[in-house]
Amino acid sequence: MTLIILLGVSFFAAIVLAFVGDRRFAPEINILGSAATFIAGVGLAVHVYYEGPMIAGGNFFFVDAFNVYLTVLTAFVSMTTAIFSRRYMRREREHGRVSHWGMRFYHAMFQLFIFAMLLALLTNNIGVLWIAMELATLSTVLLVSLYRTPTAIEAAWKYFILCGVGIAQALFGTVLLYFAAEKVLGEGGEALLWTNLIQVSGQLEPTVLRLAFVFLMVGYGTKVGLVPLHNWLPDAHSEGPTPISAVLSGLLLNIALYALVRCKVLVDLSTGTNMAGNMMMGFGLLSILVASFSLLRRKDIKRLFAYSSIEHMGIATFAFGLGGPIATFGALLHMLVHSLTKSSIFFTVGHASQMHGTQEMSKIKGLIKGNPLVGWGLVFGVMAIVGMPPFGVFTSEFLILTATMKDAPLLAPLLLLGLGVAFAALFRRVQPMISGAVPSNQMPVKASHIPIILHMVLVLIIGIYMPNFLSEWFHTAVGLLK
């Protein structure tokens, strides 16, 4: 019942908002739908915490400590983003950047996007996982082009083409998985279920699974934003509405990485080698280094933090590839704190861009004096995202670096180089924007206090003291991913 509510609310809300998405009460429907989804997600998590993994819907759904944690995170960030978008999108509508039809489209696609992400997380079928990822891609492609400017349409087209090619590679990898499984499990849907694949992993043909993971790595790696498959991500972030940038960085990249990690576990069990992990480490480390140095030359504030997302997804990918209890725990924690921190940063960035009428960093000044919430929110957000203590990102990066020094010491200097360059680049770029006098053309905005403050408080609490239930949750998930 909880699963039906969890998936049904967002799907039903998408249909309703397709008709009333520009009415005065539409943002409230968007918020209520997201809040109901979050409550259902918490209920499902409590059930799994006390009762253990569950299979539902005639083996169609599978819930364990790994995907239910991401389900709660997805529902929570979606809810806070819906709260943020109430004021943000209303201002965009008032200034004529979004039309009547555009607002209906925005609210409906937002809820459809939530539905697609939750379906990808909770399905037990690798074919449905692929379909859900494609649905999430299509809904966000349409949202990236919401402003209908030439640059927005170009960004959406690039997003569609690159991720379309990537998802086609993932489809071929999925077909190869089925090809290996149907020889053991027989023809039909049973050979597509994660739970069945894990049980017979030792009987699957290792050569086929190695080849399958190559295609899955390229396909889902494109969605994660890993270098050199990342070119769509900065454009999509800079041209789409800021709430969509927040959920793209904070949620969609996590879902793609989730799919990749599930496939890695299956391939590891079948081949008895760390081939999949080595590939993830290579792509992850390359992403960290390229994204970190790319931060030095960014001029658009949303593109700046898009490259930061590439760097941090590279860190999580590298850690999952490295494996082991410490690195895997650190990767799970990093997905959590990065999602909370990066979405909060995009909230402040969206308000800063509205205040100055531009996303060009050289024209954004005096944020602390102009709007203390936006200015200090950006300060603390950057402090958190670069890994300064006592924020949670410091904890996750420390764990990952410790595991790297233990299990792959030759790679530790490269990891440190990437982290150090990103640290310096972000502070160098952000410091001029928050200090100085307030420009005469700066416009006042009503900032969304709750999402910004709530996210930063949670990241700070996790960095100082991790609750026992969260630690146990992660340890259970680590046991599933060994």
Protein backbone atom coordinates (compact mmCIF):
# COMPACT_ATOMS: atom_id res chain seq x y z
CA MET A 1 0.00 0.00 0.00
CA THR A 2 2.80 2.40 0.90
CA LEU A 3 4.50 1.69 -2.45
CA ILE A 4 1.30 2.47 -4.34
CA ILE A 5 0.94 5.78 -2.50
CA LEU A 6 4.61 6.60 -3.03
CA LEU A 7 4.43 6.18 -6.79
CA GLY A 8 0.79 7.06 -7.29
CA VAL A 9 0.81 10.50 -5.68
CA SER A 10 3.42 11.98 -8.02
CA PHE A 11 1.83 10.39 -11.11
CA PHE A 12 -1.65 11.62 -10.14
CA ALA A 13 -0.29 15.08 -9.26
CA ALA A 14 1.35 15.29 -12.71
CA ILE A 15 -2.02 14.66 -14.38
CA VAL A 16 -3.81 17.21 -12.21
CA LEU A 17 -1.14 19.88 -12.71
CA ALA A 18 -1.21 19.38 -16.46
CA PHE A 19 -4.67 21.01 -16.32
CA VAL A 20 -4.29 23.50 -13.46
CA GLY A 21 -0.53 24.15 -13.49
CA ASP A 22 -0.88 27.92 -13.94
CA ARG A 23 -3.67 28.51 -11.42
CA ARG A 24 -2.88 30.47 -8.28
CA PHE A 25 -2.97 27.33 -6.13
CA ALA A 26 -0.84 25.18 -8.50
CA PRO A 27 2.42 25.65 -6.55
CA GLU A 28 0.65 24.52 -3.39
CA ILE A 29 -0.57 21.35 -5.17
CA ASN A 30 3.00 20.74 -6.29
CA ILE A 31 4.23 21.13 -2.71
CA LEU A 32 1.47 18.96 -1.22
CA GLY A 33 2.06 16.20 -3.76
CA SER A 34 5.80 16.23 -3.05
CA ALA A 35 5.19 16.29 0.72
CA ALA A 36 2.82 13.33 0.50
CA THR A 37 5.44 11.43 -1.51
CA PHE A 38 8.05 12.21 1.13
CA ILE A 39 5.81 11.00 3.97
CA ALA A 40 5.12 7.76 2.09
CA GLY A 41 8.87 7.38 1.49
CA VAL A 42 9.58 7.74 5.20
CA GLY A 43 6.90 5.16 5.97
CA LEU A 44 8.49 2.72 3.54
CA ALA A 45 11.94 3.36 5.03
CA VAL A 46 10.68 2.69 8.57
CA HIS A 47 9.17 -0.60 7.40
CA VAL A 48 12.45 -1.70 5.76
CA TYR A 49 14.48 -0.54 8.77
CA TYR A 50 12.53 -2.79 11.15
CA GLU A 51 11.40 -5.62 8.85
CA GLY A 52 14.28 -5.86 6.37
CA PRO A 53 14.20 -6.02 2.55
CA MET A 54 10.86 -6.63 0.88
CA ILE A 55 9.50 -7.74 -2.48
CA ALA A 56 6.10 -6.43 -3.57
CA GLY A 57 3.79 -6.30 -6.56
CA GLY A 58 4.42 -9.86 -7.66
CA ASN A 59 8.21 -9.45 -7.72
CA PHE A 60 7.90 -6.19 -9.69
CA PHE A 61 9.22 -4.05 -6.81
CA PHE A 62 12.21 -4.70 -4.59
CA VAL A 63 13.15 -2.50 -1.62
CA ASP A 64 16.30 -2.76 0.50
CA ALA A 65 18.53 -0.47 2.56
CA PHE A 66 20.29 0.88 -0.53
CA ASN A 67 17.40 2.01 -2.69
CA VAL A 68 15.05 3.03 0.12
CA TYR A 69 17.64 5.47 1.46
CA LEU A 70 17.85 7.06 -1.99
CA THR A 71 14.06 7.01 -2.21
CA VAL A 72 13.73 9.09 0.96
CA LEU A 73 16.48 11.46 -0.22
CA THR A 74 14.80 11.87 -3.62
CA ALA A 75 11.40 12.57 -2.08
CA PHE A 76 12.86 15.02 0.46
CA VAL A 77 14.87 17.10 -2.02
CA SER A 78 11.92 17.08 -4.43
CA MET A 79 9.71 18.47 -1.65
CA THR A 80 12.11 21.26 -0.67
CA THR A 81 12.68 22.10 -4.34
CA ALA A 82 8.92 22.39 -4.82
CA ILE A 83 8.83 24.81 -1.88
CA PHE A 84 11.68 26.83 -3.40
CA SER A 85 10.11 26.88 -6.86
CA ARG A 86 6.89 28.44 -5.52
CA ARG A 87 8.47 31.88 -5.18
CA TYR A 88 11.13 31.42 -7.84
CA MET A 89 8.81 30.37 -10.66
CA ARG A 90 6.15 32.91 -9.67
CA ARG A 91 8.74 35.65 -10.22
CA GLU A 92 9.74 34.10 -13.56
CA ARG A 93 6.05 34.14 -14.57
CA GLU A 94 5.61 37.76 -13.49
CA HIS A 95 8.62 38.85 -15.55
CA GLY A 96 7.36 37.05 -18.65
CA ARG A 97 10.09 34.41 -18.88
CA VAL A 98 7.52 31.62 -18.61
CA SER A 99 4.13 31.61 -20.33
CA HIS A 100 0.76 30.29 -19.16
CA TRP A 101 1.36 26.99 -20.92
CA GLY A 102 4.93 26.94 -19.68
CA MET A 103 3.83 26.97 -16.03
CA ARG A 104 1.40 24.11 -16.58
CA PHE A 105 4.14 22.24 -18.36
CA TYR A 106 6.67 22.95 -15.61
CA HIS A 107 4.53 21.69 -12.73
CA ALA A 108 3.31 18.59 -14.57
CA MET A 109 6.78 17.59 -15.77
CA PHE A 110 8.25 18.20 -12.31
CA GLN A 111 5.93 15.62 -10.77
CA LEU A 112 6.41 13.22 -13.69
CA PHE A 113 10.16 13.51 -13.17
CA ILE A 114 9.75 12.55 -9.49
CA PHE A 115 7.63 9.56 -10.50
CA ALA A 116 10.25 8.39 -13.01
CA MET A 117 13.09 8.61 -10.48
CA LEU A 118 11.17 6.72 -7.81
CA LEU A 119 10.17 4.03 -10.30
CA ALA A 120 13.81 3.61 -11.35
CA LEU A 121 14.84 3.17 -7.72
CA LEU A 122 12.13 0.78 -6.64
CA THR A 123 11.68 -1.51 -9.63
CA ASN A 124 13.06 -5.03 -9.47
CA ASN A 125 13.19 -5.27 -13.27
CA ILE A 126 16.30 -4.09 -15.14
CA GLY A 127 14.20 -3.42 -18.23
CA VAL A 128 11.79 -1.18 -16.32
CA LEU A 129 14.81 0.55 -14.76
CA TRP A 130 15.97 1.47 -18.26
CA ILE A 131 12.49 2.69 -19.24
CA ALA A 132 12.24 4.81 -16.08
CA MET A 133 15.65 6.36 -16.77
CA GLU A 134 14.51 7.21 -20.28
CA LEU A 135 11.28 8.75 -18.92
CA ALA A 136 13.32 10.86 -16.47
CA THR A 137 15.54 11.97 -19.35
CA LEU A 138 12.63 12.98 -21.58
CA SER A 139 10.83 14.90 -18.83
CA THR A 140 13.95 16.89 -17.94
CA VAL A 141 14.84 17.52 -21.59
CA LEU A 142 11.50 19.27 -21.93
CA LEU A 143 12.07 21.23 -18.72
CA VAL A 144 15.55 22.37 -19.78
CA SER A 145 13.98 23.97 -22.88
CA LEU A 146 11.23 25.68 -20.81
CA TYR A 147 12.38 29.26 -21.54
CA ARG A 148 12.29 28.58 -25.31
CA THR A 149 15.36 30.73 -25.99
CA PRO A 150 17.78 29.60 -28.72
CA THR A 151 20.41 28.67 -26.13
CA ALA A 152 17.88 26.75 -24.01
CA ILE A 153 16.65 24.77 -27.01
CA GLU A 154 20.25 24.06 -28.05
CA ALA A 155 21.07 22.85 -24.53
CA ALA A 156 17.98 20.63 -24.45
CA TRP A 157 18.83 19.21 -27.87
CA LYS A 158 22.42 18.46 -26.80
CA TYR A 159 21.08 16.85 -23.61
CA PHE A 160 18.65 14.72 -25.62
CA ILE A 161 21.18 13.59 -28.22
CA LEU A 162 24.05 12.77 -25.85
CA CYS A 163 21.90 11.09 -23.21
CA GLY A 164 19.89 9.37 -25.95
CA VAL A 165 23.05 7.82 -27.35
CA GLY A 166 24.17 6.95 -23.82
CA ILE A 167 20.89 5.35 -22.85
CA ALA A 168 20.99 3.31 -26.07
CA GLN A 169 24.33 1.89 -24.93
CA ALA A 170 22.73 1.07 -21.58
CA LEU A 171 19.92 -0.72 -23.43
CA PHE A 172 22.43 -2.87 -25.29
CA GLY A 173 24.15 -3.68 -21.98
CA THR A 174 20.76 -4.63 -20.53
CA VAL A 175 20.09 -6.92 -23.49
CA LEU A 176 23.45 -8.62 -22.91
CA LEU A 177 22.55 -9.14 -19.24
CA TYR A 178 19.29 -10.77 -20.28
CA PHE A 179 21.16 -12.88 -22.85
CA ALA A 180 23.39 -14.26 -20.09
CA ALA A 181 20.51 -14.71 -17.62
CA GLU A 182 17.98 -16.43 -19.87
CA LYS A 183 20.35 -19.37 -20.34
CA VAL A 184 20.11 -19.97 -16.59
CA LEU A 185 16.64 -18.68 -15.67
CA GLY A 186 14.85 -19.34 -18.94
CA GLU A 187 13.02 -16.97 -21.23
CA GLY A 188 10.64 -14.36 -19.88
CA GLY A 189 10.54 -11.66 -17.25
CA GLU A 190 12.15 -13.77 -14.53
CA ALA A 191 15.54 -13.26 -16.21
CA LEU A 192 15.19 -9.48 -15.82
CA LEU A 193 14.68 -9.37 -12.03
CA TRP A 194 17.53 -8.12 -9.84
CA THR A 195 16.69 -10.57 -7.08
CA ASN A 196 16.91 -13.54 -9.48
CA LEU A 197 20.08 -12.28 -11.14
CA ILE A 198 21.87 -11.94 -7.80
CA GLN A 199 20.89 -15.49 -6.76
CA VAL A 200 22.31 -17.04 -9.94
CA SER A 201 25.20 -14.60 -10.44
CA GLY A 202 27.79 -17.35 -10.08
CA GLN A 203 26.24 -19.23 -13.02
CA LEU A 204 26.19 -16.29 -15.45
CA GLU A 205 28.73 -16.22 -18.26
CA PRO A 206 31.55 -13.90 -17.07
CA THR A 207 32.66 -12.86 -20.56
CA VAL A 208 29.17 -11.68 -21.49
CA LEU A 209 28.82 -9.76 -18.23
CA ARG A 210 32.18 -8.04 -18.71
CA LEU A 211 31.06 -6.88 -22.14
CA ALA A 212 27.66 -5.86 -20.77
CA PHE A 213 29.24 -3.70 -18.09
CA VAL A 214 31.30 -1.81 -20.66
CA PHE A 215 28.08 -0.70 -22.37
CA LEU A 216 26.32 -0.06 -19.06
CA MET A 217 29.28 2.01 -17.87
CA VAL A 218 29.13 4.20 -20.96
CA GLY A 219 25.34 4.38 -20.97
CA TYR A 220 24.57 5.12 -17.34
CA GLY A 221 27.91 6.94 -16.97
CA THR A 222 26.60 9.50 -19.47
CA LYS A 223 23.65 10.13 -17.16
CA VAL A 224 25.96 10.39 -14.15
CA GLY A 225 27.89 13.10 -16.00
CA LEU A 226 31.24 11.33 -15.97
CA VAL A 227 34.06 12.69 -18.14
CA PRO A 228 34.29 12.42 -21.17
CA LEU A 229 30.52 11.89 -21.34
CA HIS A 230 29.67 15.08 -19.47
CA ASN A 231 29.18 17.76 -22.13
CA TRP A 232 25.41 17.89 -21.79
CA LEU A 233 25.43 18.63 -18.07
CA PRO A 234 26.83 22.22 -17.88
CA ASP A 235 24.55 23.40 -20.70
CA ALA A 236 21.45 21.78 -19.19
CA HIS A 237 22.16 23.36 -15.80
CA SER A 238 22.85 26.84 -17.11
CA GLU A 239 19.87 27.11 -19.48
CA GLY A 240 17.10 25.34 -17.55
CA PRO A 241 15.11 26.79 -14.62
CA THR A 242 17.07 26.76 -11.37
CA PRO A 243 14.75 24.29 -9.57
CA ILE A 244 15.48 21.82 -12.37
CA SER A 245 19.21 22.43 -11.97
CA ALA A 246 18.79 21.56 -8.28
CA VAL A 247 17.05 18.24 -8.90
CA LEU A 248 19.32 17.34 -11.81
CA SER A 249 22.44 17.72 -9.67
CA GLY A 250 20.92 16.58 -6.43
CA LEU A 251 18.85 13.63 -7.63
CA LEU A 252 19.05 12.47 -11.25
CA LEU A 253 22.80 11.92 -11.16
CA ASN A 254 22.33 9.78 -8.04
CA ILE A 255 19.73 7.60 -9.79
CA ALA A 256 22.07 6.89 -12.70
CA LEU A 257 24.90 6.07 -10.30
CA TYR A 258 22.55 3.77 -8.38
CA ALA A 259 21.90 1.78 -11.56
CA LEU A 260 25.62 1.57 -12.25
CA VAL A 261 26.43 0.34 -8.73
CA ARG A 262 23.73 -2.36 -8.92
CA CYS A 263 25.26 -3.58 -12.17
CA LYS A 264 28.77 -3.52 -10.67
CA VAL A 265 27.70 -5.79 -7.80
CA LEU A 266 26.23 -8.29 -10.25
CA VAL A 267 29.32 -8.28 -12.49
CA ASP A 268 31.67 -8.63 -9.51
CA LEU A 269 29.79 -11.68 -8.25
CA SER A 270 29.82 -13.27 -11.69
CA THR A 271 33.43 -12.61 -12.73
CA GLY A 272 35.14 -12.78 -9.34
CA THR A 273 37.32 -9.83 -10.39
CA ASN A 274 37.35 -6.07 -9.83
CA MET A 275 37.11 -5.21 -13.53
CA ALA A 276 33.94 -3.19 -13.03
CA GLY A 277 35.42 -1.40 -10.03
CA ASN A 278 38.58 -0.51 -11.93
CA MET A 279 36.53 1.01 -14.74
CA MET A 280 34.53 3.08 -12.26
CA MET A 281 37.71 4.23 -10.54
CA GLY A 282 39.19 5.32 -13.86
CA PHE A 283 36.13 7.27 -14.99
CA GLY A 284 35.68 8.73 -11.51
CA LEU A 285 39.25 9.96 -11.13
CA LEU A 286 39.26 11.44 -14.65
CA SER A 287 36.01 13.28 -13.84
CA ILE A 288 37.45 14.69 -10.60
CA LEU A 289 40.56 16.06 -12.30
CA VAL A 290 38.91 17.46 -15.44
CA ALA A 291 36.01 19.05 -13.56
CA SER A 292 38.28 20.57 -10.90
CA PHE A 293 40.50 22.32 -13.44
CA SER A 294 37.44 23.34 -15.50
CA LEU A 295 36.13 25.26 -12.46
CA LEU A 296 39.00 27.74 -12.84
CA ARG A 297 37.67 29.19 -16.10
CA ARG A 298 33.90 29.30 -15.62
CA LYS A 299 32.08 32.63 -16.01
CA ASP A 300 28.47 31.50 -15.60
CA ILE A 301 27.53 30.76 -11.98
CA LYS A 302 25.26 27.82 -12.79
CA ARG A 303 27.85 26.28 -15.11
CA LEU A 304 30.37 26.65 -12.29
CA PHE A 305 28.34 24.49 -9.93
CA ALA A 306 27.45 22.09 -12.75
CA TYR A 307 31.15 21.28 -13.06
CA SER A 308 31.26 20.95 -9.29
CA SER A 309 28.54 18.29 -9.61
CA ILE A 310 30.67 16.42 -12.15
CA GLU A 311 33.57 16.50 -9.70
CA HIS A 312 31.50 15.17 -6.81
CA MET A 313 29.83 12.43 -8.82
CA GLY A 314 33.35 11.47 -9.86
CA ILE A 315 34.28 11.19 -6.18
CA ALA A 316 31.31 8.92 -5.44
CA THR A 317 31.95 6.80 -8.55
CA PHE A 318 35.62 6.45 -7.65
CA ALA A 319 34.73 5.36 -4.10
CA PHE A 320 32.19 2.76 -5.23
CA GLY A 321 34.77 1.44 -7.68
CA LEU A 322 37.42 1.25 -4.97
CA GLY A 323 35.07 -0.84 -2.84
CA GLY A 324 35.61 -2.02 0.70
CA PRO A 325 33.55 -1.06 3.78
CA ILE A 326 35.11 2.38 4.35
CA ALA A 327 35.04 3.58 0.74
CA THR A 328 31.50 2.29 0.16
CA PHE A 329 30.26 3.88 3.38
CA GLY A 330 31.93 7.13 2.33
CA ALA A 331 30.34 6.95 -1.13
CA LEU A 332 26.84 6.43 0.29
CA LEU A 333 27.34 9.33 2.68
CA HIS A 334 28.75 11.48 -0.12
CA MET A 335 25.66 10.95 -2.27
CA LEU A 336 23.52 12.14 0.63
CA VAL A 337 25.47 15.25 1.65
CA HIS A 338 26.24 16.28 -1.93
CA SER A 339 22.54 16.17 -2.84
CA LEU A 340 21.56 18.30 0.15
CA THR A 341 24.42 20.77 -0.28
CA LYS A 342 24.29 21.20 -4.04
CA SER A 343 20.53 21.69 -4.16
CA SER A 344 20.85 24.34 -1.43
CA ILE A 345 23.57 26.08 -3.44
CA PHE A 346 21.37 26.16 -6.52
CA PHE A 347 18.56 27.68 -4.43
CA THR A 348 20.83 30.57 -3.47
CA VAL A 349 22.27 30.83 -6.98
CA GLY A 350 18.76 31.10 -8.42
CA HIS A 351 17.88 33.99 -6.12
CA ALA A 352 21.23 35.69 -6.80
CA SER A 353 20.62 35.49 -10.55
CA GLN A 354 17.15 36.98 -10.16
CA MET A 355 18.50 39.80 -8.00
CA HIS A 356 21.06 40.83 -10.64
CA GLY A 357 19.21 39.76 -13.78
CA THR A 358 22.18 37.69 -14.95
CA GLN A 359 24.09 34.47 -14.34
CA GLU A 360 27.43 36.08 -15.24
CA MET A 361 29.56 35.99 -12.10
CA SER A 362 31.45 39.20 -12.87
CA LYS A 363 28.17 41.15 -12.60
CA ILE A 364 27.00 39.60 -9.32
CA LYS A 365 28.28 41.57 -6.30
CA GLY A 366 27.42 42.37 -2.70
CA LEU A 367 25.19 39.40 -2.00
CA ILE A 368 25.68 39.48 1.78
CA LYS A 369 24.64 43.12 2.02
CA GLY A 370 21.94 42.87 -0.64
CA ASN A 371 20.25 39.80 0.81
CA PRO A 372 21.93 38.22 3.86
CA LEU A 373 20.10 34.89 3.49
CA VAL A 374 21.25 34.48 -0.11
CA GLY A 375 24.77 35.74 0.61
CA TRP A 376 25.41 33.68 3.72
CA GLY A 377 23.59 30.71 2.21
CA LEU A 378 26.07 30.76 -0.67
CA VAL A 379 29.01 31.18 1.71
CA PHE A 380 28.07 28.20 3.87
CA GLY A 381 27.07 26.19 0.81
CA VAL A 382 30.50 26.65 -0.76
CA MET A 383 32.23 25.93 2.56
CA ALA A 384 30.28 22.68 2.74
CA ILE A 385 30.74 21.59 -0.88
CA VAL A 386 34.54 22.05 -0.84
CA GLY A 387 34.76 19.78 2.19
CA MET A 388 35.50 22.15 5.04
CA PRO A 389 34.82 20.77 8.53
CA PRO A 390 32.48 20.34 10.29
CA PHE A 391 30.14 19.86 7.32
CA GLY A 392 29.16 16.38 6.18
CA VAL A 393 31.07 16.56 2.88
CA PHE A 394 34.30 16.72 4.89
CA THR A 395 33.37 13.46 6.63
CA SER A 396 32.58 11.61 3.41
CA GLU A 397 35.67 12.87 1.59
CA PHE A 398 37.87 12.04 4.58
CA LEU A 399 36.56 8.46 4.60
CA ILE A 400 37.12 8.09 0.85
CA LEU A 401 40.61 9.57 1.03
CA THR A 402 41.49 7.29 3.96
CA ALA A 403 40.33 4.22 2.04
CA THR A 404 42.29 5.36 -1.02
CA MET A 405 45.50 5.76 0.97
CA LYS A 406 44.99 2.24 2.34
CA ASP A 407 43.88 0.34 -0.78
CA ALA A 408 45.20 2.43 -3.71
CA PRO A 409 47.98 4.68 -2.33
CA LEU A 410 49.32 5.59 -5.80
CA LEU A 411 46.00 7.24 -6.66
CA ALA A 412 45.76 9.27 -3.43
CA PRO A 413 47.92 12.19 -4.75
CA LEU A 414 45.70 12.54 -7.83
CA LEU A 415 42.58 12.53 -5.65
CA LEU A 416 44.12 15.15 -3.36
CA LEU A 417 45.10 17.27 -6.37
CA GLY A 418 41.54 17.28 -7.66
CA LEU A 419 40.07 18.15 -4.27
CA GLY A 420 42.63 20.92 -3.72
CA VAL A 421 42.10 22.55 -7.11
CA ALA A 422 38.32 22.48 -6.69
CA PHE A 423 38.67 24.02 -3.21
CA ALA A 424 40.77 26.91 -4.53
CA ALA A 425 38.70 27.45 -7.69
CA LEU A 426 35.34 27.71 -5.93
CA PHE A 427 36.56 30.14 -3.28
CA ARG A 428 38.30 32.23 -5.92
CA ARG A 429 35.12 32.51 -7.98
CA VAL A 430 32.58 32.97 -5.19
CA GLN A 431 34.41 35.46 -2.94
CA PRO A 432 33.94 38.52 -5.26
CA MET A 433 30.21 37.79 -5.55
CA ILE A 434 29.45 37.82 -1.86
CA SER A 435 31.57 40.82 -0.85
CA GLY A 436 31.64 44.46 -1.88
CA ALA A 437 29.01 47.12 -2.30
CA VAL A 438 25.49 46.42 -3.51
CA PRO A 439 25.09 47.35 -7.22
CA SER A 440 22.53 50.02 -8.00
CA ASN A 441 20.64 47.71 -10.35
CA GLN A 442 20.22 44.93 -7.79
CA MET A 443 16.55 43.97 -7.43
CA PRO A 444 14.97 42.73 -4.18
CA VAL A 445 13.65 39.17 -4.05
CA LYS A 446 11.65 37.23 -1.52
CA ALA A 447 14.01 34.36 -0.83
CA SER A 448 12.80 30.89 0.12
CA HIS A 449 14.20 30.59 3.64
CA ILE A 450 13.06 27.09 4.60
CA PRO A 451 14.79 24.97 1.90
CA ILE A 452 18.14 26.80 2.15
CA ILE A 453 18.35 26.75 5.95
CA LEU A 454 16.98 23.23 6.33
CA HIS A 455 19.47 21.69 3.89
CA MET A 456 22.49 23.42 5.41
CA VAL A 457 21.45 22.52 8.96
CA LEU A 458 21.11 18.86 7.98
CA VAL A 459 24.54 18.81 6.31
CA LEU A 460 26.05 20.43 9.40
CA ILE A 461 24.36 17.96 11.78
CA ILE A 462 25.52 14.97 9.72
CA GLY A 463 29.07 16.32 9.82
CA ILE A 464 29.05 16.80 13.59
CA TYR A 465 26.98 13.82 14.72
CA MET A 466 25.56 11.02 12.59
CA PRO A 467 22.41 9.53 14.16
CA ASN A 468 22.62 5.83 15.00
CA PHE A 469 19.76 4.87 12.68
CA LEU A 470 21.52 6.54 9.73
CA SER A 471 24.82 4.84 10.53
CA GLU A 472 23.10 1.44 10.81
CA TRP A 473 21.27 2.13 7.56
CA PHE A 474 24.53 2.80 5.74
CA HIS A 475 26.26 -0.22 7.29
CA THR A 476 23.41 -2.43 6.11
CA ALA A 477 23.67 -0.95 2.60
CA VAL A 478 27.44 -1.49 2.64
CA GLY A 479 26.84 -5.17 3.37
CA LEU A 480 24.61 -5.39 0.29
CA LEU A 481 27.21 -3.79 -1.99
CA LYS A 482 30.30 -5.80 -1.06
